[in-house]
ModelCIF file with pLDDT and N, C-alpha, C, O atoms, coordinates in Angstrom:
data_MODEL
#
_entry.id   MODEL 
#
_entity.id                         1 
_entity.type                       polymer 
_entity.pdbx_number_of_molecules   1 
#
_entity_poly.entity_id                      1 
_entity_poly.type                           'polypeptide(L)' 
_entity_poly.nstd_linkage                   no 
_entity_poly.nstd_monomer                   no 
_entity_poly.pdbx_seq_one_letter_code       AQVYRPELRERVLGGLTMQQELRRLLLHDG 
_entity_poly.pdbx_seq_one_letter_code_can   AQVYRPELRERVLGGLTMQQELRRLLLHDG 
_entity_poly.pdbx_strand_id                 A 
#
loop_
_entity_poly_seq.entity_id 
_entity_poly_seq.num 
_entity_poly_seq.mon_id 
_entity_poly_seq.hetero 
1 1  ALA n 
1 2  GLN n 
1 3  VAL n 
1 4  TYR n 
1 5  ARG n 
1 6  PRO n 
1 7  GLU n 
1 8  LEU n 
1 9  ARG n 
1 10 GLU n 
1 11 ARG n 
1 12 VAL n 
1 13 LEU n 
1 14 GLY n 
1 15 GLY n 
1 16 LEU n 
1 17 THR n 
1 18 MET n 
1 19 GLN n 
1 20 GLN n 
1 21 GLU n 
1 22 LEU n 
1 23 ARG n 
1 24 ARG n 
1 25 LEU n 
1 26 LEU n 
1 27 LEU n 
1 28 HIS n 
1 29 ASP n 
1 30 GLY n 
#
_struct_asym.id          A 
_struct_asym.entity_id   1 
#
loop_
_ma_qa_metric.id 
_ma_qa_metric.mode 
_ma_qa_metric.name 
_ma_qa_metric.software_group_id 
_ma_qa_metric.type 
1 global pLDDT . pLDDT 
2 local  pLDDT . pLDDT 
#
_ma_qa_metric_global.metric_id      1 
_ma_qa_metric_global.metric_value   83.27 
_ma_qa_metric_global.model_id       1 
_ma_qa_metric_global.ordinal_id     1 
#
loop_
_ma_qa_metric_local.label_asym_id 
_ma_qa_metric_local.label_comp_id 
_ma_qa_metric_local.label_seq_id 
_ma_qa_metric_local.metric_id 
_ma_qa_metric_local.metric_value 
_ma_qa_metric_local.model_id 
_ma_qa_metric_local.ordinal_id 
A ALA 1  2 91.00 1 1  
A GLN 2  2 91.00 1 2  
A VAL 3  2 91.00 1 3  
A TYR 4  2 91.00 1 4  
A ARG 5  2 89.00 1 5  
A PRO 6  2 86.00 1 6  
A GLU 7  2 84.00 1 7  
A LEU 8  2 84.00 1 8  
A ARG 9  2 80.00 1 9  
A GLU 10 2 75.00 1 10 
A ARG 11 2 77.00 1 11 
A VAL 12 2 75.00 1 12 
A LEU 13 2 73.00 1 13 
A GLY 14 2 75.00 1 14 
A GLY 15 2 77.00 1 15 
A LEU 16 2 78.00 1 16 
A THR 17 2 83.00 1 17 
A MET 18 2 84.00 1 18 
A GLN 19 2 85.00 1 19 
A GLN 20 2 87.00 1 20 
A GLU 21 2 88.00 1 21 
A LEU 22 2 89.00 1 22 
A ARG 23 2 89.00 1 23 
A ARG 24 2 88.00 1 24 
A LEU 25 2 89.00 1 25 
A LEU 26 2 87.00 1 26 
A LEU 27 2 83.00 1 27 
A HIS 28 2 81.00 1 28 
A ASP 29 2 75.00 1 29 
A GLY 30 2 73.00 1 30 
#
loop_
_atom_site.group_PDB 
_atom_site.id 
_atom_site.type_symbol 
_atom_site.label_atom_id 
_atom_site.label_alt_id 
_atom_site.label_comp_id 
_atom_site.label_asym_id 
_atom_site.label_entity_id 
_atom_site.label_seq_id 
_atom_site.pdbx_PDB_ins_code 
_atom_site.Cartn_x 
_atom_site.Cartn_y 
_atom_site.Cartn_z 
_atom_site.occupancy 
_atom_site.B_iso_or_equiv 
_atom_site.pdbx_formal_charge 
_atom_site.auth_seq_id 
_atom_site.auth_comp_id 
_atom_site.auth_asym_id 
_atom_site.auth_atom_id 
_atom_site.pdbx_PDB_model_num 
ATOM 1   N N  . ALA A 1 1  ? 86.529  81.981 118.430 1.00 91.00 ? 1  ALA A N  1 
ATOM 2   C CA . ALA A 1 1  ? 86.146  80.858 117.581 1.00 91.00 ? 1  ALA A CA 1 
ATOM 3   C C  . ALA A 1 1  ? 85.208  81.347 116.490 1.00 91.00 ? 1  ALA A C  1 
ATOM 4   O O  . ALA A 1 1  ? 84.397  82.247 116.709 1.00 91.00 ? 1  ALA A O  1 
ATOM 5   N N  . GLN A 1 2  ? 85.326  80.751 115.325 1.00 91.00 ? 2  GLN A N  1 
ATOM 6   C CA . GLN A 1 2  ? 84.488  81.114 114.192 1.00 91.00 ? 2  GLN A CA 1 
ATOM 7   C C  . GLN A 1 2  ? 83.939  79.834 113.562 1.00 91.00 ? 2  GLN A C  1 
ATOM 8   O O  . GLN A 1 2  ? 84.693  78.929 113.205 1.00 91.00 ? 2  GLN A O  1 
ATOM 9   N N  . VAL A 1 3  ? 82.623  79.779 113.436 1.00 91.00 ? 3  VAL A N  1 
ATOM 10  C CA . VAL A 1 3  ? 81.976  78.644 112.787 1.00 91.00 ? 3  VAL A CA 1 
ATOM 11  C C  . VAL A 1 3  ? 81.932  78.902 111.280 1.00 91.00 ? 3  VAL A C  1 
ATOM 12  O O  . VAL A 1 3  ? 81.631  80.010 110.838 1.00 91.00 ? 3  VAL A O  1 
ATOM 13  N N  . TYR A 1 4  ? 82.229  77.882 110.515 1.00 91.00 ? 4  TYR A N  1 
ATOM 14  C CA . TYR A 1 4  ? 82.292  78.038 109.060 1.00 91.00 ? 4  TYR A CA 1 
ATOM 15  C C  . TYR A 1 4  ? 80.931  78.406 108.480 1.00 91.00 ? 4  TYR A C  1 
ATOM 16  O O  . TYR A 1 4  ? 79.902  77.827 108.826 1.00 91.00 ? 4  TYR A O  1 
ATOM 17  N N  . ARG A 1 5  ? 80.967  79.396 107.583 1.00 89.00 ? 5  ARG A N  1 
ATOM 18  C CA . ARG A 1 5  ? 79.809  79.756 106.762 1.00 89.00 ? 5  ARG A CA 1 
ATOM 19  C C  . ARG A 1 5  ? 80.300  79.908 105.322 1.00 89.00 ? 5  ARG A C  1 
ATOM 20  O O  . ARG A 1 5  ? 81.439  80.320 105.108 1.00 89.00 ? 5  ARG A O  1 
ATOM 21  N N  . PRO A 1 6  ? 79.485  79.592 104.354 1.00 86.00 ? 6  PRO A N  1 
ATOM 22  C CA . PRO A 1 6  ? 79.944  79.654 102.954 1.00 86.00 ? 6  PRO A CA 1 
ATOM 23  C C  . PRO A 1 6  ? 80.512  81.008 102.564 1.00 86.00 ? 6  PRO A C  1 
ATOM 24  O O  . PRO A 1 6  ? 81.451  81.074 101.771 1.00 86.00 ? 6  PRO A O  1 
ATOM 25  N N  . GLU A 1 7  ? 79.949  82.109 103.115 1.00 84.00 ? 7  GLU A N  1 
ATOM 26  C CA . GLU A 1 7  ? 80.430  83.429 102.708 1.00 84.00 ? 7  GLU A CA 1 
ATOM 27  C C  . GLU A 1 7  ? 81.845  83.723 103.213 1.00 84.00 ? 7  GLU A C  1 
ATOM 28  O O  . GLU A 1 7  ? 82.514  84.626 102.711 1.00 84.00 ? 7  GLU A O  1 
ATOM 29  N N  . LEU A 1 8  ? 82.298  82.949 104.216 1.00 84.00 ? 8  LEU A N  1 
ATOM 30  C CA . LEU A 1 8  ? 83.658  83.151 104.714 1.00 84.00 ? 8  LEU A CA 1 
ATOM 31  C C  . LEU A 1 8  ? 84.696  82.750 103.677 1.00 84.00 ? 8  LEU A C  1 
ATOM 32  O O  . LEU A 1 8  ? 85.794  83.305 103.641 1.00 84.00 ? 8  LEU A O  1 
ATOM 33  N N  . ARG A 1 9  ? 84.350  81.798 102.844 1.00 80.00 ? 9  ARG A N  1 
ATOM 34  C CA . ARG A 1 9  ? 85.324  81.287 101.886 1.00 80.00 ? 9  ARG A CA 1 
ATOM 35  C C  . ARG A 1 9  ? 85.832  82.395 100.972 1.00 80.00 ? 9  ARG A C  1 
ATOM 36  O O  . ARG A 1 9  ? 87.038  82.537 100.768 1.00 80.00 ? 9  ARG A O  1 
ATOM 37  N N  . GLU A 1 10 ? 84.910  83.177 100.427 1.00 75.00 ? 10 GLU A N  1 
ATOM 38  C CA . GLU A 1 10 ? 85.314  84.244 99.512  1.00 75.00 ? 10 GLU A CA 1 
ATOM 39  C C  . GLU A 1 10 ? 86.148  85.288 100.234 1.00 75.00 ? 10 GLU A C  1 
ATOM 40  O O  . GLU A 1 10 ? 87.126  85.796 99.685  1.00 75.00 ? 10 GLU A O  1 
ATOM 41  N N  . ARG A 1 11 ? 85.758  85.615 101.484 1.00 77.00 ? 11 ARG A N  1 
ATOM 42  C CA . ARG A 1 11 ? 86.494  86.645 102.221 1.00 77.00 ? 11 ARG A CA 1 
ATOM 43  C C  . ARG A 1 11 ? 87.907  86.185 102.575 1.00 77.00 ? 11 ARG A C  1 
ATOM 44  O O  . ARG A 1 11 ? 88.875  86.927 102.411 1.00 77.00 ? 11 ARG A O  1 
ATOM 45  N N  . VAL A 1 12 ? 88.007  84.945 103.066 1.00 75.00 ? 12 VAL A N  1 
ATOM 46  C CA . VAL A 1 12 ? 89.316  84.443 103.471 1.00 75.00 ? 12 VAL A CA 1 
ATOM 47  C C  . VAL A 1 12 ? 90.206  84.196 102.265 1.00 75.00 ? 12 VAL A C  1 
ATOM 48  O O  . VAL A 1 12 ? 91.373  84.588 102.251 1.00 75.00 ? 12 VAL A O  1 
ATOM 49  N N  . LEU A 1 13 ? 89.648  83.544 101.252 1.00 73.00 ? 13 LEU A N  1 
ATOM 50  C CA . LEU A 1 13 ? 90.452  83.287 100.067 1.00 73.00 ? 13 LEU A CA 1 
ATOM 51  C C  . LEU A 1 13 ? 90.863  84.583 99.384  1.00 73.00 ? 13 LEU A C  1 
ATOM 52  O O  . LEU A 1 13 ? 91.942  84.672 98.798  1.00 73.00 ? 13 LEU A O  1 
ATOM 53  N N  . GLY A 1 14 ? 89.979  85.603 99.466  1.00 75.00 ? 14 GLY A N  1 
ATOM 54  C CA . GLY A 1 14 ? 90.359  86.911 98.929  1.00 75.00 ? 14 GLY A CA 1 
ATOM 55  C C  . GLY A 1 14 ? 91.527  87.497 99.693  1.00 75.00 ? 14 GLY A C  1 
ATOM 56  O O  . GLY A 1 14 ? 92.421  88.104 99.104  1.00 75.00 ? 14 GLY A O  1 
ATOM 57  N N  . GLY A 1 15 ? 91.520  87.313 101.028 1.00 77.00 ? 15 GLY A N  1 
ATOM 58  C CA . GLY A 1 15 ? 92.644  87.793 101.827 1.00 77.00 ? 15 GLY A CA 1 
ATOM 59  C C  . GLY A 1 15 ? 93.931  87.058 101.495 1.00 77.00 ? 15 GLY A C  1 
ATOM 60  O O  . GLY A 1 15 ? 94.996  87.673 101.429 1.00 77.00 ? 15 GLY A O  1 
ATOM 61  N N  . LEU A 1 16 ? 93.847  85.743 101.285 1.00 78.00 ? 16 LEU A N  1 
ATOM 62  C CA . LEU A 1 16 ? 95.038  84.985 100.913 1.00 78.00 ? 16 LEU A CA 1 
ATOM 63  C C  . LEU A 1 16 ? 95.554  85.412 99.546  1.00 78.00 ? 16 LEU A C  1 
ATOM 64  O O  . LEU A 1 16 ? 96.762  85.472 99.321  1.00 78.00 ? 16 LEU A O  1 
ATOM 65  N N  . THR A 1 17 ? 94.640  85.704 98.646  1.00 83.00 ? 17 THR A N  1 
ATOM 66  C CA . THR A 1 17 ? 95.056  86.202 97.330  1.00 83.00 ? 17 THR A CA 1 
ATOM 67  C C  . THR A 1 17 ? 95.770  87.538 97.462  1.00 83.00 ? 17 THR A C  1 
ATOM 68  O O  . THR A 1 17 ? 96.765  87.798 96.786  1.00 83.00 ? 17 THR A O  1 
ATOM 69  N N  . MET A 1 18 ? 95.238  88.390 98.356  1.00 84.00 ? 18 MET A N  1 
ATOM 70  C CA . MET A 1 18 ? 95.872  89.691 98.563  1.00 84.00 ? 18 MET A CA 1 
ATOM 71  C C  . MET A 1 18 ? 97.270  89.521 99.163  1.00 84.00 ? 18 MET A C  1 
ATOM 72  O O  . MET A 1 18 ? 98.184  90.269 98.816  1.00 84.00 ? 18 MET A O  1 
ATOM 73  N N  . GLN A 1 19 ? 97.443  88.552 100.052 1.00 85.00 ? 19 GLN A N  1 
ATOM 74  C CA . GLN A 1 19 ? 98.766  88.305 100.613 1.00 85.00 ? 19 GLN A CA 1 
ATOM 75  C C  . GLN A 1 19 ? 99.743  87.872 99.529  1.00 85.00 ? 19 GLN A C  1 
ATOM 76  O O  . GLN A 1 19 ? 100.892 88.312 99.510  1.00 85.00 ? 19 GLN A O  1 
ATOM 77  N N  . GLN A 1 20 ? 99.291  87.022 98.639  1.00 87.00 ? 20 GLN A N  1 
ATOM 78  C CA . GLN A 1 20 ? 100.156 86.586 97.539  1.00 87.00 ? 20 GLN A CA 1 
ATOM 79  C C  . GLN A 1 20 ? 100.525 87.752 96.630  1.00 87.00 ? 20 GLN A C  1 
ATOM 80  O O  . GLN A 1 20 ? 101.664 87.848 96.171  1.00 87.00 ? 20 GLN A O  1 
ATOM 81  N N  . GLU A 1 21 ? 99.572  88.632 96.372  1.00 88.00 ? 21 GLU A N  1 
ATOM 82  C CA . GLU A 1 21 ? 99.860  89.790 95.520  1.00 88.00 ? 21 GLU A CA 1 
ATOM 83  C C  . GLU A 1 21 ? 100.833 90.742 96.215  1.00 88.00 ? 21 GLU A C  1 
ATOM 84  O O  . GLU A 1 21 ? 101.722 91.302 95.573  1.00 88.00 ? 21 GLU A O  1 
ATOM 85  N N  . LEU A 1 22 ? 100.666 90.923 97.515  1.00 89.00 ? 22 LEU A N  1 
ATOM 86  C CA . LEU A 1 22 ? 101.605 91.768 98.254  1.00 89.00 ? 22 LEU A CA 1 
ATOM 87  C C  . LEU A 1 22 ? 103.014 91.183 98.224  1.00 89.00 ? 22 LEU A C  1 
ATOM 88  O O  . LEU A 1 22 ? 103.997 91.908 98.071  1.00 89.00 ? 22 LEU A O  1 
ATOM 89  N N  . ARG A 1 23 ? 103.096 89.875 98.369  1.00 89.00 ? 23 ARG A N  1 
ATOM 90  C CA . ARG A 1 23 ? 104.407 89.233 98.339  1.00 89.00 ? 23 ARG A CA 1 
ATOM 91  C C  . ARG A 1 23 ? 105.069 89.461 96.975  1.00 89.00 ? 23 ARG A C  1 
ATOM 92  O O  . ARG A 1 23 ? 106.247 89.811 96.913  1.00 89.00 ? 23 ARG A O  1 
ATOM 93  N N  . ARG A 1 24 ? 104.338 89.270 95.909  1.00 88.00 ? 24 ARG A N  1 
ATOM 94  C CA . ARG A 1 24 ? 104.897 89.498 94.573  1.00 88.00 ? 24 ARG A CA 1 
ATOM 95  C C  . ARG A 1 24 ? 105.275 90.953 94.381  1.00 88.00 ? 24 ARG A C  1 
ATOM 96  O O  . ARG A 1 24 ? 106.284 91.264 93.747  1.00 88.00 ? 24 ARG A O  1 
ATOM 97  N N  . LEU A 1 25 ? 104.454 91.853 94.935  1.00 89.00 ? 25 LEU A N  1 
ATOM 98  C CA . LEU A 1 25 ? 104.711 93.285 94.783  1.00 89.00 ? 25 LEU A CA 1 
ATOM 99  C C  . LEU A 1 25 ? 105.986 93.693 95.505  1.00 89.00 ? 25 LEU A C  1 
ATOM 100 O O  . LEU A 1 25 ? 106.815 94.412 94.948  1.00 89.00 ? 25 LEU A O  1 
ATOM 101 N N  . LEU A 1 26 ? 106.146 93.232 96.756  1.00 87.00 ? 26 LEU A N  1 
ATOM 102 C CA . LEU A 1 26 ? 107.306 93.641 97.554  1.00 87.00 ? 26 LEU A CA 1 
ATOM 103 C C  . LEU A 1 26 ? 108.577 92.921 97.132  1.00 87.00 ? 26 LEU A C  1 
ATOM 104 O O  . LEU A 1 26 ? 109.682 93.417 97.352  1.00 87.00 ? 26 LEU A O  1 
ATOM 105 N N  . LEU A 1 27 ? 108.418 91.764 96.532  1.00 83.00 ? 27 LEU A N  1 
ATOM 106 C CA . LEU A 1 27 ? 109.587 91.030 96.042  1.00 83.00 ? 27 LEU A CA 1 
ATOM 107 C C  . LEU A 1 27 ? 109.880 91.346 94.579  1.00 83.00 ? 27 LEU A C  1 
ATOM 108 O O  . LEU A 1 27 ? 110.762 90.737 93.973  1.00 83.00 ? 27 LEU A O  1 
ATOM 109 N N  . HIS A 1 28 ? 109.133 92.307 94.008  1.00 81.00 ? 28 HIS A N  1 
ATOM 110 C CA . HIS A 1 28 ? 109.324 92.735 92.617  1.00 81.00 ? 28 HIS A CA 1 
ATOM 111 C C  . HIS A 1 28 ? 109.170 91.555 91.660  1.00 81.00 ? 28 HIS A C  1 
ATOM 112 O O  . HIS A 1 28 ? 109.939 91.385 90.714  1.00 81.00 ? 28 HIS A O  1 
ATOM 113 N N  . ASP A 1 29 ? 108.133 90.735 91.947  1.00 75.00 ? 29 ASP A N  1 
ATOM 114 C CA . ASP A 1 29 ? 107.905 89.541 91.144  1.00 75.00 ? 29 ASP A CA 1 
ATOM 115 C C  . ASP A 1 29 ? 106.578 89.656 90.383  1.00 75.00 ? 29 ASP A C  1 
ATOM 116 O O  . ASP A 1 29 ? 105.821 88.690 90.284  1.00 75.00 ? 29 ASP A O  1 
ATOM 117 N N  . GLY A 1 30 ? 106.314 90.829 89.860  1.00 73.00 ? 30 GLY A N  1 
ATOM 118 C CA . GLY A 1 30 ? 105.078 91.018 89.119  1.00 73.00 ? 30 GLY A CA 1 
ATOM 119 C C  . GLY A 1 30 ? 105.013 92.422 88.551  1.00 73.00 ? 30 GLY A C  1 
ATOM 120 O O  . GLY A 1 30 ? 104.037 92.776 87.889  1.00 73.00 ? 30 GLY A O  1 
#
């Protein structure tokens, strides 16, 4: 379990951004 802290937002959203970039990279969409 993880309790929300403001600093988690940047880390998690950064990870989601990285997933989107990987998807575009592997699908040759960027």
